PDB file of N, CA and C in Angstrom:
ATOM      1  N   MET A   1       0.812  -1.179   0.000  1.00  0.00           N
ATOM      2  CA  MET A   1       0.000   0.000   0.000  1.00  0.00           C
ATOM      3  C   MET A   1       0.869   1.262   0.000  1.00  0.00           C
ATOM      4  N   ILE A   2       1.971   1.244   0.730  1.00  0.00           N
ATOM      5  CA  ILE A   2       2.859   2.407   0.777  1.00  0.00           C
ATOM      6  C   ILE A   2       3.521   2.611  -0.584  1.00  0.00           C
ATOM      7  N   LYS A   3       3.894   1.507  -1.248  1.00  0.00           N
ATOM      8  CA  LYS A   3       4.523   1.626  -2.559  1.00  0.00           C
ATOM      9  C   LYS A   3       3.553   2.205  -3.578  1.00  0.00           C
ATOM     10  N   SER A   4       2.289   1.792  -3.514  1.00  0.00           N
ATOM     11  CA  SER A   4       1.318   2.318  -4.475  1.00  0.00           C
ATOM     12  C   SER A   4       1.056   3.805  -4.236  1.00  0.00           C
ATOM     13  N   ARG A   5       1.072   4.246  -2.976  1.00  0.00           N
ATOM     14  CA  ARG A   5       0.905   5.675  -2.700  1.00  0.00           C
ATOM     15  C   ARG A   5       2.104   6.468  -3.211  1.00  0.00           C
ATOM     16  N   ALA A   6       3.291   5.921  -2.997  1.00  0.00           N
ATOM     17  CA  ALA A   6       4.502   6.601  -3.465  1.00  0.00           C
ATOM     18  C   ALA A   6       4.491   6.686  -4.992  1.00  0.00           C
ATOM     19  N   PHE A   7       4.083   5.615  -5.637  1.00  0.00           N
ATOM     20  CA  PHE A   7       4.003   5.619  -7.099  1.00  0.00           C
ATOM     21  C   PHE A   7       2.961   6.623  -7.588  1.00  0.00           C
ATOM     22  N   ALA A   8       1.807   6.641  -6.947  1.00  0.00           N
ATOM     23  CA  ALA A   8       0.745   7.576  -7.334  1.00  0.00           C
ATOM     24  C   ALA A   8       1.198   9.019  -7.117  1.00  0.00           C
ATOM     25  N   PHE A   9       1.897   9.277  -6.023  1.00  0.00           N
ATOM     26  CA  PHE A   9       2.393  10.624  -5.758  1.00  0.00           C
ATOM     27  C   PHE A   9       3.437  11.039  -6.792  1.00  0.00           C
ATOM     28  N   SER A  10       4.351  10.135  -7.128  1.00  0.00           N
ATOM     29  CA  SER A  10       5.378  10.472  -8.119  1.00  0.00           C
ATOM     30  C   SER A  10       4.752  10.677  -9.492  1.00  0.00           C
ATOM     31  N   LEU A  11       3.749   9.871  -9.833  1.00  0.00           N
ATOM     32  CA  LEU A  11       3.056  10.040 -11.113  1.00  0.00           C
ATOM     33  C   LEU A  11       2.314  11.377 -11.143  1.00  0.00           C
ATOM     34  N   LEU A  12       1.693  11.735 -10.051  1.00  0.00           N
ATOM     35  CA  LEU A  12       1.005  13.016  -9.952  1.00  0.00           C
ATOM     36  C   LEU A  12       1.995  14.177 -10.061  1.00  0.00           C
ATOM     37  N   SER A  13       3.149  14.052  -9.437  1.00  0.00           N
ATOM     38  CA  SER A  13       4.174  15.099  -9.491  1.00  0.00           C
ATOM     39  C   SER A  13       4.677  15.299 -10.911  1.00  0.00           C
ATOM     40  N   VAL A  14       4.970  14.194 -11.586  1.00  0.00           N
ATOM     41  CA  VAL A  14       5.464  14.277 -12.962  1.00  0.00           C
ATOM     42  C   VAL A  14       4.396  14.881 -13.865  1.00  0.00           C
ATOM     43  N   SER A  15       3.164  14.484 -13.689  1.00  0.00           N
ATOM     44  CA  SER A  15       2.074  15.034 -14.499  1.00  0.00           C
ATOM     45  C   SER A  15       1.936  16.536 -14.267  1.00  0.00           C
ATOM     46  N   PHE A  16       2.008  16.960 -13.011  1.00  0.00           N
ATOM     47  CA  PHE A  16       1.907  18.383 -12.695  1.00  0.00           C
ATOM     48  C   PHE A  16       3.040  19.172 -13.340  1.00  0.00           C
ATOM     49  N   LEU A  17       4.266  18.653 -13.248  1.00  0.00           N
ATOM     50  CA  LEU A  17       5.414  19.352 -13.829  1.00  0.00           C
ATOM     51  C   LEU A  17       5.303  19.426 -15.349  1.00  0.00           C
ATOM     52  N   ALA A  18       4.836  18.359 -15.977  1.00  0.00           N
ATOM     53  CA  ALA A  18       4.704  18.357 -17.436  1.00  0.00           C
ATOM     54  C   ALA A  18       3.653  19.358 -17.884  1.00  0.00           C
ATOM     55  N   VAL A  19       2.510  19.379 -17.222  1.00  0.00           N
ATOM     56  CA  VAL A  19       1.448  20.319 -17.577  1.00  0.00           C
ATOM     57  C   VAL A  19       1.902  21.744 -17.315  1.00  0.00           C
ATOM     58  N   ASN A  20       2.585  21.958 -16.220  1.00  0.00           N
ATOM     59  CA  ASN A  20       3.073  23.288 -15.889  1.00  0.00           C
ATOM     60  C   ASN A  20       4.092  23.777 -16.916  1.00  0.00           C
ATOM     61  N   ALA A  21       4.970  22.896 -17.370  1.00  0.00           N
ATOM     62  CA  ALA A  21       5.970  23.287 -18.368  1.00  0.00           C
ATOM     63  C   ALA A  21       5.309  23.621 -19.699  1.00  0.00           C
ATOM     64  N   LEU A  22       4.305  22.864 -20.080  1.00  0.00           N
ATOM     65  CA  LEU A  22       3.641  23.113 -21.353  1.00  0.00           C
ATOM     66  C   LEU A  22       2.726  24.331 -21.299  1.00  0.00           C
ATOM     67  N   ALA A  23       2.254  24.683 -20.120  1.00  0.00           N
ATOM     68  CA  ALA A  23       1.340  25.814 -20.000  1.00  0.00           C
ATOM     69  C   ALA A  23       2.073  27.155 -20.024  1.00  0.00           C
ATOM     70  N   GLN A  24       3.388  27.140 -19.838  1.00  0.00           N
ATOM     71  CA  GLN A  24       4.149  28.387 -19.840  1.00  0.00           C
ATOM     72  C   GLN A  24       4.179  28.971 -21.247  1.00  0.00           C
ATOM     73  N   PRO A  25       4.056  30.296 -21.387  1.00  0.00           N
ATOM     74  CA  PRO A  25       4.160  30.894 -22.713  1.00  0.00           C
ATOM     75  C   PRO A  25       5.583  30.774 -23.232  1.00  0.00           C
ATOM     76  N   LEU A  26       5.703  30.622 -24.544  1.00  0.00           N
ATOM     77  CA  LEU A  26       7.029  30.512 -25.135  1.00  0.00           C
ATOM     78  C   LEU A  26       7.709  31.877 -25.103  1.00  0.00           C
ATOM     79  N   PRO A  27       9.025  31.885 -24.870  1.00  0.00           N
ATOM     80  CA  PRO A  27       9.738  33.159 -24.849  1.00  0.00           C
ATOM     81  C   PRO A  27       9.847  33.726 -26.257  1.00  0.00           C
ATOM     82  N   PRO A  28      10.103  35.025 -26.379  1.00  0.00           N
ATOM     83  CA  PRO A  28      10.235  35.604 -27.707  1.00  0.00           C
ATOM     84  C   PRO A  28      11.458  35.043 -28.416  1.00  0.00           C
ATOM     85  N   PRO A  29      11.472  35.096 -29.747  1.00  0.00           N
ATOM     86  CA  PRO A  29      12.637  34.599 -30.465  1.00  0.00           C
ATOM     87  C   PRO A  29      13.886  35.390 -30.089  1.00  0.00           C
ATOM     88  N   PRO A  30      15.066  34.768 -30.193  1.00  0.00           N
ATOM     89  CA  PRO A  30      16.282  35.414 -29.744  1.00  0.00           C
ATOM     90  C   PRO A  30      16.651  36.681 -30.508  1.00  0.00           C
ATOM     91  N   SER A  31      16.287  36.793 -31.776  1.00  0.00           N
ATOM     92  CA  SER A  31      16.666  37.990 -32.526  1.00  0.00           C
ATOM     93  C   SER A  31      15.771  39.153 -32.146  1.00  0.00           C
ATOM     94  N   ALA A  32      16.292  40.343 -32.261  1.00  0.00           N
ATOM     95  CA  ALA A  32      15.567  41.547 -31.851  1.00  0.00           C
ATOM     96  C   ALA A  32      14.398  41.804 -32.791  1.00  0.00           C
ATOM     97  N   GLY A  33      13.229  42.029 -32.229  1.00  0.00           N
ATOM     98  CA  GLY A  33      12.066  42.375 -33.021  1.00  0.00           C
ATOM     99  C   GLY A  33      11.505  41.221 -33.830  1.00  0.00           C
ATOM    100  N   GLY A  34      11.937  39.997 -33.575  1.00  0.00           N
ATOM    101  CA  GLY A  34      11.430  38.864 -34.327  1.00  0.00           C
ATOM    102  C   GLY A  34      11.968  38.790 -35.751  1.00  0.00           C
ATOM    103  N   ARG A  35      12.944  39.610 -36.063  1.00  0.00           N
ATOM    104  CA  ARG A  35      13.505  39.607 -37.415  1.00  0.00           C
ATOM    105  C   ARG A  35      14.507  38.484 -37.562  1.00  0.00           C
ATOM    106  N   LEU A  36      14.554  37.924 -38.744  1.00  0.00           N
ATOM    107  CA  LEU A  36      15.525  36.884 -39.043  1.00  0.00           C
ATOM    108  C   LEU A  36      16.832  37.526 -39.478  1.00  0.00           C
ATOM    109  N   GLU A  37      17.909  36.924 -39.081  1.00  0.00           N
ATOM    110  CA  GLU A  37      19.223  37.443 -39.450  1.00  0.00           C
ATOM    111  C   GLU A  37      19.685  36.747 -40.721  1.00  0.00           C
ATOM    112  N   LEU A  38      19.348  37.344 -41.862  1.00  0.00           N
ATOM    113  CA  LEU A  38      19.749  36.788 -43.146  1.00  0.00           C
ATOM    114  C   LEU A  38      21.212  37.115 -43.408  1.00  0.00           C
ATOM    115  N   HIS A  39      21.889  36.180 -44.029  1.00  0.00           N
ATOM    116  CA  HIS A  39      23.279  36.423 -44.398  1.00  0.00           C
ATOM    117  C   HIS A  39      23.318  37.328 -45.625  1.00  0.00           C
ATOM    118  N   THR A  40      24.150  38.333 -45.570  1.00  0.00           N
ATOM    119  CA  THR A  40      24.275  39.214 -46.723  1.00  0.00           C
ATOM    120  C   THR A  40      25.230  38.593 -47.727  1.00  0.00           C
ATOM    121  N   ILE A  41      24.886  38.729 -48.982  1.00  0.00           N
ATOM    122  CA  ILE A  41      25.709  38.184 -50.051  1.00  0.00           C
ATOM    123  C   ILE A  41      26.382  39.362 -50.744  1.00  0.00           C
ATOM    124  N   ASN A  42      27.683  39.368 -50.719  1.00  0.00           N
ATOM    125  CA  ASN A  42      28.472  40.434 -51.313  1.00  0.00           C
ATOM    126  C   ASN A  42      28.488  40.264 -52.829  1.00  0.00           C
ATOM    127  N   TYR A  43      28.204  41.339 -53.551  1.00  0.00           N
ATOM    128  CA  TYR A  43      28.170  41.275 -55.013  1.00  0.00           C
ATOM    129  C   TYR A  43      29.525  40.861 -55.576  1.00  0.00           C
ATOM    130  N   ASP A  44      30.606  41.448 -55.079  1.00  0.00           N
ATOM    131  CA  ASP A  44      31.930  41.146 -55.626  1.00  0.00           C
ATOM    132  C   ASP A  44      32.297  39.682 -55.418  1.00  0.00           C
ATOM    133  N   LEU A  45      32.023  39.150 -54.229  1.00  0.00           N
ATOM    134  CA  LEU A  45      32.313  37.727 -53.992  1.00  0.00           C
ATOM    135  C   LEU A  45      31.431  36.849 -54.875  1.00  0.00           C
ATOM    136  N   TRP A  46      30.150  37.197 -54.991  1.00  0.00           N
ATOM    137  CA  TRP A  46      29.261  36.417 -55.845  1.00  0.00           C
ATOM    138  C   TRP A  46      29.776  36.432 -57.273  1.00  0.00           C
ATOM    139  N   CYS A  47      30.164  37.605 -57.757  1.00  0.00           N
ATOM    140  CA  CYS A  47      30.603  37.766 -59.136  1.00  0.00           C
ATOM    141  C   CYS A  47      31.833  36.910 -59.437  1.00  0.00           C
ATOM    142  N   GLN A  48      32.822  36.936 -58.538  1.00  0.00           N
ATOM    143  CA  GLN A  48      34.060  36.212 -58.798  1.00  0.00           C
ATOM    144  C   GLN A  48      33.986  34.741 -58.422  1.00  0.00           C
ATOM    145  N   GLU A  49      33.323  34.429 -57.306  1.00  0.00           N
ATOM    146  CA  GLU A  49      33.303  33.043 -56.824  1.00  0.00           C
ATOM    147  C   GLU A  49      32.183  32.203 -57.430  1.00  0.00           C
ATOM    148  N   THR A  50      30.980  32.751 -57.496  1.00  0.00           N
ATOM    149  CA  THR A  50      29.832  31.978 -57.971  1.00  0.00           C
ATOM    150  C   THR A  50      29.668  32.084 -59.479  1.00  0.00           C
ATOM    151  N   ALA A  51      29.677  33.322 -59.995  1.00  0.00           N
ATOM    152  CA  ALA A  51      29.481  33.519 -61.433  1.00  0.00           C
ATOM    153  C   ALA A  51      30.770  33.289 -62.213  1.00  0.00           C
ATOM    154  N   LYS A  52      31.912  33.251 -61.530  1.00  0.00           N
ATOM    155  CA  LYS A  52      33.228  33.007 -62.157  1.00  0.00           C
ATOM    156  C   LYS A  52      33.536  34.033 -63.248  1.00  0.00           C
ATOM    157  N   LEU A  53      33.196  35.288 -62.986  1.00  0.00           N
ATOM    158  CA  LEU A  53      33.481  36.362 -63.936  1.00  0.00           C
ATOM    159  C   LEU A  53      34.822  37.005 -63.586  1.00  0.00           C
ATOM    160  N   PRO A  54      35.501  37.570 -64.574  1.00  0.00           N
ATOM    161  CA  PRO A  54      36.790  38.217 -64.286  1.00  0.00           C
ATOM    162  C   PRO A  54      36.595  39.472 -63.426  1.00  0.00           C
ATOM    163  N   PRO A  55      37.603  39.818 -62.620  1.00  0.00           N
ATOM    164  CA  PRO A  55      37.466  40.955 -61.707  1.00  0.00           C
ATOM    165  C   PRO A  55      37.165  42.288 -62.407  1.00  0.00           C
ATOM    166  N   ASP A  56      37.747  42.507 -63.588  1.00  0.00           N
ATOM    167  CA  ASP A  56      37.481  43.782 -64.260  1.00  0.00           C
ATOM    168  C   ASP A  56      36.024  43.899 -64.693  1.00  0.00           C
ATOM    169  N   ARG A  57      35.405  42.791 -65.067  1.00  0.00           N
ATOM    170  CA  ARG A  57      33.985  42.834 -65.425  1.00  0.00           C
ATOM    171  C   ARG A  57      33.131  43.041 -64.171  1.00  0.00           C
ATOM    172  N   CYS A  58      33.532  42.436 -63.055  1.00  0.00           N
ATOM    173  CA  CYS A  58      32.791  42.613 -61.805  1.00  0.00           C
ATOM    174  C   CYS A  58      32.835  44.065 -61.360  1.00  0.00           C
ATOM    175  N   ASP A  59      33.966  44.741 -61.609  1.00  0.00           N
ATOM    176  CA  ASP A  59      34.076  46.149 -61.229  1.00  0.00           C
ATOM    177  C   ASP A  59      33.124  47.024 -62.039  1.00  0.00           C
ATOM    178  N   LYS A  60      32.812  46.623 -63.259  1.00  0.00           N
ATOM    179  CA  LYS A  60      31.899  47.407 -64.103  1.00  0.00           C
ATOM    180  C   LYS A  60      30.449  47.291 -63.633  1.00  0.00           C
ATOM    181  N   ARG A  61      30.108  46.160 -63.056  1.00  0.00           N
ATOM    182  CA  ARG A  61      28.750  45.864 -62.570  1.00  0.00           C
ATOM    183  C   ARG A  61      27.703  46.169 -63.642  1.00  0.00           C
ATOM    184  N   LEU A  62      27.749  45.376 -64.684  1.00  0.00           N
ATOM    185  CA  LEU A  62      26.836  45.526 -65.811  1.00  0.00           C
ATOM    186  C   LEU A  62      25.403  45.219 -65.376  1.00  0.00           C
ATOM    187  N   PRO A  63      24.415  45.824 -66.053  1.00  0.00           N
ATOM    188  CA  PRO A  63      23.010  45.589 -65.678  1.00  0.00           C
ATOM    189  C   PRO A  63      22.605  44.113 -65.728  1.00  0.00           C
ATOM    190  N   GLU A  64      23.092  43.355 -66.713  1.00  0.00           N
ATOM    191  CA  GLU A  64      22.737  41.932 -66.777  1.00  0.00           C
ATOM    192  C   GLU A  64      23.382  41.137 -65.638  1.00  0.00           C
ATOM    193  N   ASP A  65      24.591  41.553 -65.224  1.00  0.00           N
ATOM    194  CA  ASP A  65      25.229  40.892 -64.080  1.00  0.00           C
ATOM    195  C   ASP A  65      24.488  41.225 -62.780  1.00  0.00           C
ATOM    196  N   ASP A  66      24.068  42.476 -62.682  1.00  0.00           N
ATOM    197  CA  ASP A  66      23.319  42.895 -61.498  1.00  0.00           C
ATOM    198  C   ASP A  66      21.977  42.160 -61.409  1.00  0.00           C
ATOM    199  N   ALA A  67      21.321  41.959 -62.553  1.00  0.00           N
ATOM    200  CA  ALA A  67      20.048  41.222 -62.580  1.00  0.00           C
ATOM    201  C   ALA A  67      20.272  39.757 -62.179  1.00  0.00           C
ATOM    202  N   ALA A  68      21.360  39.167 -62.672  1.00  0.00           N
ATOM    203  CA  ALA A  68      21.672  37.778 -62.306  1.00  0.00           C
ATOM    204  C   ALA A  68      21.976  37.672 -60.813  1.00  0.00           C
ATOM    205  N   TYR A  69      22.679  38.660 -60.279  1.00  0.00           N
ATOM    206  CA  TYR A  69      22.979  38.693 -58.843  1.00  0.00           C
ATOM    207  C   TYR A  69      21.692  38.785 -58.023  1.00  0.00           C
ATOM    208  N   ASN A  70      20.787  39.669 -58.412  1.00  0.00           N
ATOM    209  CA  ASN A  70      19.518  39.820 -57.687  1.00  0.00           C
ATOM    210  C   ASN A  70      18.671  38.555 -57.770  1.00  0.00           C
ATOM    211  N   ASP A  71      18.688  37.871 -58.911  1.00  0.00           N
ATOM    212  CA  ASP A  71      17.985  36.587 -59.032  1.00  0.00           C
ATOM    213  C   ASP A  71      18.579  35.554 -58.078  1.00  0.00           C
ATOM    214  N   TYR A  72      19.904  35.535 -58.002  1.00  0.00           N
ATOM    215  CA  TYR A  72      20.591  34.596 -57.107  1.00  0.00           C
ATOM    216  C   TYR A  72      20.213  34.877 -55.648  1.00  0.00           C
ATOM    217  N   VAL A  73      20.224  36.148 -55.248  1.00  0.00           N
ATOM    218  CA  VAL A  73      19.879  36.518 -53.870  1.00  0.00           C
ATOM    219  C   VAL A  73      18.436  36.114 -53.564  1.00  0.00           C
ATOM    220  N   THR A  74      17.535  36.326 -54.516  1.00  0.00           N
ATOM    221  CA  THR A  74      16.132  35.956 -54.321  1.00  0.00           C
ATOM    222  C   THR A  74      15.986  34.451 -54.129  1.00  0.00           C
ATOM    223  N   LYS A  75      16.708  33.666 -54.933  1.00  0.00           N
ATOM    224  CA  LYS A  75      16.641  32.205 -54.803  1.00  0.00           C
ATOM    225  C   LYS A  75      17.184  31.732 -53.461  1.00  0.00           C
ATOM    226  N   VAL A  76      18.279  32.332 -53.026  1.00  0.00           N
ATOM    227  CA  VAL A  76      18.868  31.931 -51.745  1.00  0.00           C
ATOM    228  C   VAL A  76      17.922  32.278 -50.596  1.00  0.00           C
ATOM    229  N   GLU A  77      17.340  33.474 -50.626  1.00  0.00           N
ATOM    230  CA  GLU A  77      16.417  33.877 -49.562  1.00  0.00           C
ATOM    231  C   GLU A  77      15.168  33.018 -49.538  1.00  0.00           C
ATOM    232  N   LYS A  78      14.754  32.525 -50.695  1.00  0.00           N
ATOM    233  CA  LYS A  78      13.576  31.654 -50.762  1.00  0.00           C
ATOM    234  C   LYS A  78      13.762  30.408 -49.900  1.00  0.00           C
ATOM    235  N   TYR A  79      14.984  29.909 -49.824  1.00  0.00           N
ATOM    236  CA  TYR A  79      15.261  28.725 -49.017  1.00  0.00           C
ATOM    237  C   TYR A  79      15.778  29.079 -47.628  1.00  0.00           C
ATOM    238  N   GLU A  80      16.445  30.219 -47.505  1.00  0.00           N
ATOM    239  CA  GLU A  80      17.041  30.589 -46.228  1.00  0.00           C
ATOM    240  C   GLU A  80      15.997  31.020 -45.204  1.00  0.00           C
ATOM    241  N   VAL A  81      14.972  31.750 -45.621  1.00  0.00           N
ATOM    242  CA  VAL A  81      13.956  32.243 -44.681  1.00  0.00           C
ATOM    243  C   VAL A  81      13.214  31.096 -43.992  1.00  0.00           C
ATOM    244  N   PRO A  82      12.665  30.113 -44.724  1.00  0.00           N
ATOM    245  CA  PRO A  82      11.998  29.000 -44.012  1.00  0.00           C
ATOM    246  C   PRO A  82      12.964  28.207 -43.135  1.00  0.00           C
ATOM    247  N   TYR A  83      14.202  28.042 -43.596  1.00  0.00           N
ATOM    248  CA  TYR A  83      15.187  27.324 -42.791  1.00  0.00           C
ATOM    249  C   TYR A  83      15.440  28.046 -41.474  1.00  0.00           C
ATOM    250  N   LEU A  84      15.634  29.364 -41.539  1.00  0.00           N
ATOM    251  CA  LEU A  84      15.904  30.128 -40.320  1.00  0.00           C
ATOM    252  C   LEU A  84      14.692  30.161 -39.390  1.00  0.00           C
ATOM    253  N   LYS A  85      13.472  30.228 -39.958  1.00  0.00           N
ATOM    254  CA  LYS A  85      12.269  30.194 -39.115  1.00  0.00           C
ATOM    255  C   LYS A  85      12.156  28.856 -38.386  1.00  0.00           C
ATOM    256  N   ASP A  86      12.391  27.751 -39.092  1.00  0.00           N
ATOM    257  CA  ASP A  86      12.343  26.434 -38.455  1.00  0.00           C
ATOM    258  C   ASP A  86      13.417  26.309 -37.378  1.00  0.00           C
ATOM    259  N   LYS A  87      14.607  26.804 -37.668  1.00  0.00           N
ATOM    260  CA  LYS A  87      15.701  26.739 -36.699  1.00  0.00           C
ATOM    261  C   LYS A  87      15.368  27.573 -35.470  1.00  0.00           C
ATOM    262  N   GLN A  88      14.798  28.761 -35.678  1.00  0.00           N
ATOM    263  CA  GLN A  88      14.423  29.626 -34.575  1.00  0.00           C
ATOM    264  C   GLN A  88      13.353  28.976 -33.703  1.00  0.00           C
ATOM    265  N   ASN A  89      12.343  28.369 -34.337  1.00  0.00           N
ATOM    266  CA  ASN A  89      11.283  27.693 -33.583  1.00  0.00           C
ATOM    267  C   ASN A  89      11.834  26.510 -32.796  1.00  0.00           C
ATOM    268  N   SER A  90      12.718  25.723 -33.402  1.00  0.00           N
ATOM    269  CA  SER A  90      13.266  24.569 -32.685  1.00  0.00           C
ATOM    270  C   SER A  90      14.173  25.017 -31.545  1.00  0.00           C
ATOM    271  N   ASP A  91      14.883  26.144 -31.723  1.00  0.00           N
ATOM    272  CA  ASP A  91      15.703  26.665 -30.629  1.00  0.00           C
ATOM    273  C   ASP A  91      14.841  27.110 -29.454  1.00  0.00           C
ATOM    274  N   VAL A  92      13.714  27.755 -29.752  1.00  0.00           N
ATOM    275  CA  VAL A  92      12.809  28.214 -28.695  1.00  0.00           C
ATOM    276  C   VAL A  92      12.225  27.016 -27.955  1.00  0.00           C
ATOM    277  N   ILE A  93      11.767  26.030 -28.686  1.00  0.00           N
ATOM    278  CA  ILE A  93      11.198  24.830 -28.062  1.00  0.00           C
ATOM    279  C   ILE A  93      12.253  24.101 -27.251  1.00  0.00           C
ATOM    280  N   ASN A  94      13.436  23.998 -27.799  1.00  0.00           N
ATOM    281  CA  ASN A  94      14.520  23.310 -27.100  1.00  0.00           C
ATOM    282  C   ASN A  94      14.863  24.017 -25.795  1.00  0.00           C
ATOM    283  N   ARG A  95      14.931  25.347 -25.834  1.00  0.00           N
ATOM    284  CA  ARG A  95      15.301  26.097 -24.643  1.00  0.00           C
ATOM    285  C   ARG A  95      14.170  26.146 -23.624  1.00  0.00           C
ATOM    286  N   ALA A  96      12.928  26.263 -24.095  1.00  0.00           N
ATOM    287  CA  ALA A  96      11.809  26.481 -23.177  1.00  0.00           C
ATOM    288  C   ALA A  96      11.218  25.193 -22.624  1.00  0.00           C
ATOM    289  N   ILE A  97      11.200  24.126 -23.404  1.00  0.00           N
ATOM    290  CA  ILE A  97      10.499  22.915 -22.973  1.00  0.00           C
ATOM    291  C   ILE A  97      11.450  21.762 -22.702  1.00  0.00           C
ATOM    292  N   ILE A  98      12.262  21.432 -23.685  1.00  0.00           N
ATOM    293  CA  ILE A  98      13.072  20.223 -23.568  1.00  0.00           C
ATOM    294  C   ILE A  98      14.161  20.368 -22.513  1.00  0.00           C
ATOM    295  N   HIS A  99      14.865  21.485 -22.526  1.00  0.00           N
ATOM    296  CA  HIS A  99      15.946  21.695 -21.572  1.00  0.00           C
ATOM    297  C   HIS A  99      15.603  22.814 -20.593  1.00  0.00           C
ATOM    298  N   SER A 100      14.404  22.794 -20.115  1.00  0.00           N
ATOM    299  CA  SER A 100      13.947  23.844 -19.208  1.00  0.00           C
ATOM    300  C   SER A 100      14.484  23.610 -17.808  1.00  0.00           C
ATOM    301  N   GLU A 101      15.216  24.575 -17.301  1.00  0.00           N
ATOM    302  CA  GLU A 101      15.681  24.585 -15.922  1.00  0.00           C
ATOM    303  C   GLU A 101      15.388  25.979 -15.390  1.00  0.00           C
ATOM    304  N   PRO A 102      14.174  26.218 -14.926  1.00  0.00           N
ATOM    305  CA  PRO A 102      13.770  27.578 -14.561  1.00  0.00           C
ATOM    306  C   PRO A 102      14.645  28.246 -13.510  1.00  0.00           C
ATOM    307  N   THR A 103      15.208  27.482 -12.588  1.00  0.00           N
ATOM    308  CA  THR A 103      16.007  28.122 -11.547  1.00  0.00           C
ATOM    309  C   THR A 103      17.396  28.496 -12.035  1.00  0.00           C
ATOM    310  N   GLN A 104      17.922  27.762 -13.005  1.00  0.00           N
ATOM    311  CA  GLN A 104      19.270  28.041 -13.480  1.00  0.00           C
ATOM    312  C   GLN A 104      19.291  28.845 -14.773  1.00  0.00           C
ATOM    313  N   ASN A 105      18.276  28.679 -15.615  1.00  0.00           N
ATOM    314  CA  ASN A 105      18.280  29.340 -16.908  1.00  0.00           C
ATOM    315  C   ASN A 105      16.859  29.738 -17.280  1.00  0.00           C
ATOM    316  N   PRO A 106      16.372  30.869 -16.776  1.00  0.00           N
ATOM    317  CA  PRO A 106      15.008  31.279 -17.094  1.00  0.00           C
ATOM    318  C   PRO A 106      14.814  31.476 -18.593  1.00  0.00           C
ATOM    319  N   ALA A 107      13.594  31.236 -19.055  1.00  0.00           N
ATOM    320  CA  ALA A 107      13.305  31.329 -20.484  1.00  0.00           C
ATOM    321  C   ALA A 107      13.464  32.743 -21.009  1.00  0.00           C
ATOM    322  N   ASN A 108      13.259  33.753 -20.165  1.00  0.00           N
ATOM    323  CA  ASN A 108      13.400  35.125 -20.634  1.00  0.00           C
ATOM    324  C   ASN A 108      14.833  35.629 -20.529  1.00  0.00           C
ATOM    325  N   ASN A 109      15.747  34.792 -20.091  1.00  0.00           N
ATOM    326  CA  ASN A 109      17.148  35.153 -19.983  1.00  0.00           C
ATOM    327  C   ASN A 109      17.919  34.479 -21.103  1.00  0.00           C
ATOM    328  N   SER A 110      18.870  35.179 -21.690  1.00  0.00           N
ATOM    329  CA  SER A 110      19.663  34.566 -22.752  1.00  0.00           C
ATOM    330  C   SER A 110      20.571  33.502 -22.154  1.00  0.00           C
ATOM    331  N   GLN A 111      21.126  32.711 -22.995  1.00  0.00           N
ATOM    332  CA  GLN A 111      21.968  31.584 -22.571  1.00  0.00           C
ATOM    333  C   GLN A 111      23.324  32.104 -22.087  1.00  0.00           C
ATOM    334  N   GLN A 112      23.344  32.746 -20.950  1.00  0.00           N
ATOM    335  CA  GLN A 112      24.569  33.279 -20.375  1.00  0.00           C
ATOM    336  C   GLN A 112      25.118  32.275 -19.376  1.00  0.00           C
ATOM    337  N   PRO A 113      26.461  32.094 -19.352  1.00  0.00           N
ATOM    338  CA  PRO A 113      27.004  31.206 -18.324  1.00  0.00           C
ATOM    339  C   PRO A 113      26.843  31.836 -16.948  1.00  0.00           C
ATOM    340  N   PRO A 114      26.669  31.022 -15.918  1.00  0.00           N
ATOM    341  CA  PRO A 114      26.493  31.590 -14.578  1.00  0.00           C
ATOM    342  C   PRO A 114      27.766  32.324 -14.147  1.00  0.00           C
ATOM    343  N   SER A 115      27.589  33.404 -13.408  1.00  0.00           N
ATOM    344  CA  SER A 115      28.751  34.151 -12.928  1.00  0.00           C
ATOM    345  C   SER A 115      29.412  33.362 -11.787  1.00  0.00           C
ATOM    346  N   PRO A 116      30.728  33.445 -11.699  1.00  0.00           N
ATOM    347  CA  PRO A 116      31.409  32.665 -10.651  1.00  0.00           C
ATOM    348  C   PRO A 116      31.098  33.233  -9.266  1.00  0.00           C
ATOM    349  N   ASN A 117      31.067  32.337  -8.302  1.00  0.00           N
ATOM    350  CA  ASN A 117      30.820  32.740  -6.906  1.00  0.00           C
ATOM    351  C   ASN A 117      32.075  33.374  -6.328  1.00  0.00           C
ATOM    352  N   PRO A 118      31.920  34.417  -5.506  1.00  0.00           N
ATOM    353  CA  PRO A 118      33.114  35.079  -4.924  1.00  0.00           C
ATOM    354  C   PRO A 118      33.774  34.249  -3.856  1.00  0.00           C
TER     355      PRO A 118
END
């Protein structure tokens, strides 16, 4: 009878903690203002490395080269934005639910290492 009470109490405790963790609101995304941090693509690097154009032509920045560069940036952003949103959501879930330690690392606090004790 004592073992069944202990088991029931531990099951109740775990259930309470799980419900409490899921009921907490998710913290805001780590980037300021909810904006995604897209990587900037440098025209000169794109021109020489990706398009394999000679440096003197890259310096001229012809309209057709500029159009090709803008098409490339649009294609990259098409895949980068959903990837970054998924990564941001999984980071929030990971920090808030899976590895939640409210006393050591509150959800509204960034992942800062604890300060050393004096």
